[in-house]
Amino acid sequence: MSDCLFCRIASGQIPATLLHDDEQCVSFADINPQAPFHALVIPRRHIATLNDLHAADEPLIGHLLRVAAQVAKAGGVAESGWRASFNTNREGGQVVWHVHLHVLGGRQMGWPPG
C-alpha cells in the first residue's frame, strides 16, 4: 500500500536503520520508544490488523516472533527480560494500520500494561 508508513519503510522508500532484514520481515527502532529498548518487527506484506490474518499467515507470525527474540538478544535485553506485544485496533492501542510486533526491554515491565 503506497500510503502505509510501514510498507514504505519495508520497501526502502523511507529510510530506517534496520535491526533485521529478510524476505518476510524487517525490524527497526521505534521512533517513540516506550522503554530503553523498543524495536518493531513488521511483515513486508501489508496486513492491516491481527484480525485480518488467515490460517496461511501462521508461519509468518511465528517468524515475526522468532525474529523478535533475535532482535531482543542483539539489543541486549534477552537475558534480563523483554516484552512482545501486538496492538490491535484503536482500543487495543494500534496507531499504524500495518501489523507490527513491539519488542520492549531494558526496564521492569508492569502488569497490567497501561
C-alpha atoms as a PDB file:
ATOM      1  CA  MET A   1       0.000   0.000   0.000  1.00  0.00           C
ATOM      2  CA  SER A   2       1.591   3.225  -1.148  1.00  0.00           C
ATOM      3  CA  ASP A   3       0.193   5.321   1.718  1.00  0.00           C
ATOM      4  CA  CYS A   4       1.183   2.902   4.514  1.00  0.00           C
ATOM      5  CA  LEU A   5       4.123   4.189   6.560  1.00  0.00           C
ATOM      6  CA  PHE A   6       5.396   0.708   7.417  1.00  0.00           C
ATOM      7  CA  CYS A   7       5.062  -0.565   3.833  1.00  0.00           C
ATOM      8  CA  ARG A   8       7.184   2.391   2.758  1.00  0.00           C
ATOM      9  CA  ILE A   9       9.815   1.575   5.405  1.00  0.00           C
ATOM     10  CA  ALA A  10       9.818  -2.111   4.423  1.00  0.00           C
ATOM     11  CA  SER A  11      10.283  -1.216   0.740  1.00  0.00           C
ATOM     12  CA  GLY A  12      13.099   1.235   1.486  1.00  0.00           C
ATOM     13  CA  GLN A  13      11.136   4.309   0.337  1.00  0.00           C
ATOM     14  CA  ILE A  14      11.510   5.753   3.839  1.00  0.00           C
ATOM     15  CA  PRO A  15      14.981   5.273   5.318  1.00  0.00           C
ATOM     16  CA  ALA A  16      15.345   3.417   8.602  1.00  0.00           C
ATOM     17  CA  THR A  17      18.220   1.771  10.400  1.00  0.00           C
ATOM     18  CA  LEU A  18      17.217  -1.858  10.149  1.00  0.00           C
ATOM     19  CA  LEU A  19      17.922  -4.227  13.025  1.00  0.00           C
ATOM     20  CA  HIS A  20      16.809  -7.219  10.929  1.00  0.00           C
ATOM     21  CA  ASP A  21      16.041  -7.626   7.237  1.00  0.00           C
ATOM     22  CA  ASP A  22      14.883 -10.757   5.392  1.00  0.00           C
ATOM     23  CA  GLU A  23      12.384 -11.736   2.682  1.00  0.00           C
ATOM     24  CA  GLN A  24       9.453 -11.855   5.110  1.00  0.00           C
ATOM     25  CA  CYS A  25      10.026  -9.019   7.558  1.00  0.00           C
ATOM     26  CA  VAL A  26      12.108  -6.108   8.784  1.00  0.00           C
ATOM     27  CA  SER A  27      12.831  -4.721  12.228  1.00  0.00           C
ATOM     28  CA  PHE A  28      13.805  -1.204  13.248  1.00  0.00           C
ATOM     29  CA  ALA A  29      13.863   1.034  16.328  1.00  0.00           C
ATOM     30  CA  ASP A  30      10.559   2.643  17.310  1.00  0.00           C
ATOM     31  CA  ILE A  31      10.690   6.424  16.824  1.00  0.00           C
ATOM     32  CA  ASN A  32       8.632   6.922  20.013  1.00  0.00           C
ATOM     33  CA  PRO A  33      10.287   4.464  22.417  1.00  0.00           C
ATOM     34  CA  GLN A  34       8.315   3.336  25.450  1.00  0.00           C
ATOM     35  CA  ALA A  35      11.306   1.554  27.023  1.00  0.00           C
ATOM     36  CA  PRO A  36      15.097   1.890  26.834  1.00  0.00           C
ATOM     37  CA  PHE A  37      14.975  -0.757  24.097  1.00  0.00           C
ATOM     38  CA  HIS A  38      11.955  -0.551  21.784  1.00  0.00           C
ATOM     39  CA  ALA A  39      12.002  -2.145  18.349  1.00  0.00           C
ATOM     40  CA  LEU A  40       9.278  -3.050  15.889  1.00  0.00           C
ATOM     41  CA  VAL A  41       9.122  -6.198  13.777  1.00  0.00           C
ATOM     42  CA  ILE A  42       6.849  -5.870  10.741  1.00  0.00           C
ATOM     43  CA  PRO A  43       5.923  -8.163   7.878  1.00  0.00           C
ATOM     44  CA  ARG A  44       6.895  -6.897   4.437  1.00  0.00           C
ATOM     45  CA  ARG A  45       3.416  -7.769   3.182  1.00  0.00           C
ATOM     46  CA  HIS A  46       0.687  -5.358   4.219  1.00  0.00           C
ATOM     47  CA  ILE A  47      -1.719  -6.833   6.746  1.00  0.00           C
ATOM     48  CA  ALA A  48      -3.736  -4.114   8.496  1.00  0.00           C
ATOM     49  CA  THR A  49      -4.511  -5.839  11.829  1.00  0.00           C
ATOM     50  CA  LEU A  50      -4.271  -9.210  13.527  1.00  0.00           C
ATOM     51  CA  ASN A  51      -7.990  -9.553  12.736  1.00  0.00           C
ATOM     52  CA  ASP A  52      -7.029  -9.756   9.056  1.00  0.00           C
ATOM     53  CA  LEU A  53      -4.802 -12.830   9.430  1.00  0.00           C
ATOM     54  CA  HIS A  54      -5.615 -16.123   7.742  1.00  0.00           C
ATOM     55  CA  ALA A  55      -4.510 -19.654   8.564  1.00  0.00           C
ATOM     56  CA  ALA A  56      -1.871 -19.366   5.837  1.00  0.00           C
ATOM     57  CA  ASP A  57      -0.289 -16.484   7.824  1.00  0.00           C
ATOM     58  CA  GLU A  58       0.582 -18.666  10.837  1.00  0.00           C
ATOM     59  CA  PRO A  59       4.164 -19.331   9.640  1.00  0.00           C
ATOM     60  CA  LEU A  60       4.671 -15.592   9.092  1.00  0.00           C
ATOM     61  CA  ILE A  61       3.522 -14.702  12.611  1.00  0.00           C
ATOM     62  CA  GLY A  62       5.756 -17.427  14.041  1.00  0.00           C
ATOM     63  CA  HIS A  63       8.634 -15.960  12.050  1.00  0.00           C
ATOM     64  CA  LEU A  64       7.941 -12.482  13.472  1.00  0.00           C
ATOM     65  CA  LEU A  65       8.116 -13.907  16.998  1.00  0.00           C
ATOM     66  CA  ARG A  66      11.386 -15.734  16.287  1.00  0.00           C
ATOM     67  CA  VAL A  67      12.861 -12.540  14.814  1.00  0.00           C
ATOM     68  CA  ALA A  68      11.673 -10.621  17.892  1.00  0.00           C
ATOM     69  CA  ALA A  69      13.720 -12.983  20.074  1.00  0.00           C
ATOM     70  CA  GLN A  70      16.767 -12.437  17.855  1.00  0.00           C
ATOM     71  CA  VAL A  71      16.297  -8.651  17.985  1.00  0.00           C
ATOM     72  CA  ALA A  72      15.927  -8.765  21.784  1.00  0.00           C
ATOM     73  CA  LYS A  73      19.133 -10.767  22.056  1.00  0.00           C
ATOM     74  CA  ALA A  74      21.028  -8.406  19.741  1.00  0.00           C
ATOM     75  CA  GLY A  75      19.634  -5.466  21.732  1.00  0.00           C
ATOM     76  CA  GLY A  76      20.989  -6.886  24.973  1.00  0.00           C
ATOM     77  CA  VAL A  77      17.645  -7.434  26.700  1.00  0.00           C
ATOM     78  CA  ALA A  78      17.062 -11.159  26.156  1.00  0.00           C
ATOM     79  CA  GLU A  79      18.594 -12.322  29.436  1.00  0.00           C
ATOM     80  CA  SER A  80      17.121  -9.632  31.698  1.00  0.00           C
ATOM     81  CA  GLY A  81      13.674  -9.908  30.101  1.00  0.00           C
ATOM     82  CA  TRP A  82      11.592  -8.316  27.382  1.00  0.00           C
ATOM     83  CA  ARG A  83       8.010  -7.986  26.252  1.00  0.00           C
ATOM     84  CA  ALA A  84       6.475  -8.757  22.863  1.00  0.00           C
ATOM     85  CA  SER A  85       3.193  -7.005  22.114  1.00  0.00           C
ATOM     86  CA  PHE A  86       0.811  -6.734  19.190  1.00  0.00           C
ATOM     87  CA  ASN A  87      -1.717  -3.890  19.466  1.00  0.00           C
ATOM     88  CA  THR A  88      -4.936  -4.424  17.528  1.00  0.00           C
ATOM     89  CA  ASN A  89      -7.377  -1.709  16.531  1.00  0.00           C
ATOM     90  CA  ARG A  90      -7.916   1.624  18.235  1.00  0.00           C
ATOM     91  CA  GLU A  91      -8.878   0.449  21.734  1.00  0.00           C
ATOM     92  CA  GLY A  92      -6.001  -2.021  21.642  1.00  0.00           C
ATOM     93  CA  GLY A  93      -3.588   0.866  21.091  1.00  0.00           C
ATOM     94  CA  GLN A  94      -2.879   0.372  17.375  1.00  0.00           C
ATOM     95  CA  VAL A  95      -1.995   3.638  15.621  1.00  0.00           C
ATOM     96  CA  VAL A  96      -0.365   2.374  12.406  1.00  0.00           C
ATOM     97  CA  TRP A  97      -2.623   0.096  10.366  1.00  0.00           C
ATOM     98  CA  HIS A  98       0.025  -2.479   9.477  1.00  0.00           C
ATOM     99  CA  VAL A  99       0.630  -5.466  11.775  1.00  0.00           C
ATOM    100  CA  HIS A 100       3.677  -4.803  13.929  1.00  0.00           C
ATOM    101  CA  LEU A 101       5.214  -6.526  16.906  1.00  0.00           C
ATOM    102  CA  HIS A 102       6.660  -4.321  19.647  1.00  0.00           C
ATOM    103  CA  VAL A 103       9.831  -5.625  21.335  1.00  0.00           C
ATOM    104  CA  LEU A 104      10.364  -3.737  24.610  1.00  0.00           C
ATOM    105  CA  GLY A 105      13.055  -4.185  27.239  1.00  0.00           C
ATOM    106  CA  GLY A 106      15.684  -2.549  29.368  1.00  0.00           C
ATOM    107  CA  ARG A 107      13.385  -1.813  32.324  1.00  0.00           C
ATOM    108  CA  GLN A 108      10.962  -3.606  34.609  1.00  0.00           C
ATOM    109  CA  MET A 109       7.647  -4.090  32.813  1.00  0.00           C
ATOM    110  CA  GLY A 110       4.467  -3.643  34.823  1.00  0.00           C
ATOM    111  CA  TRP A 111       1.285  -5.694  34.688  1.00  0.00           C
ATOM    112  CA  PRO A 112      -1.298  -4.976  33.599  1.00  0.00           C
ATOM    113  CA  PRO A 113       0.119  -2.776  30.856  1.00  0.00           C
ATOM    114  CA  GLY A 114      -1.147   0.800  30.896  1.00  0.00           C
END
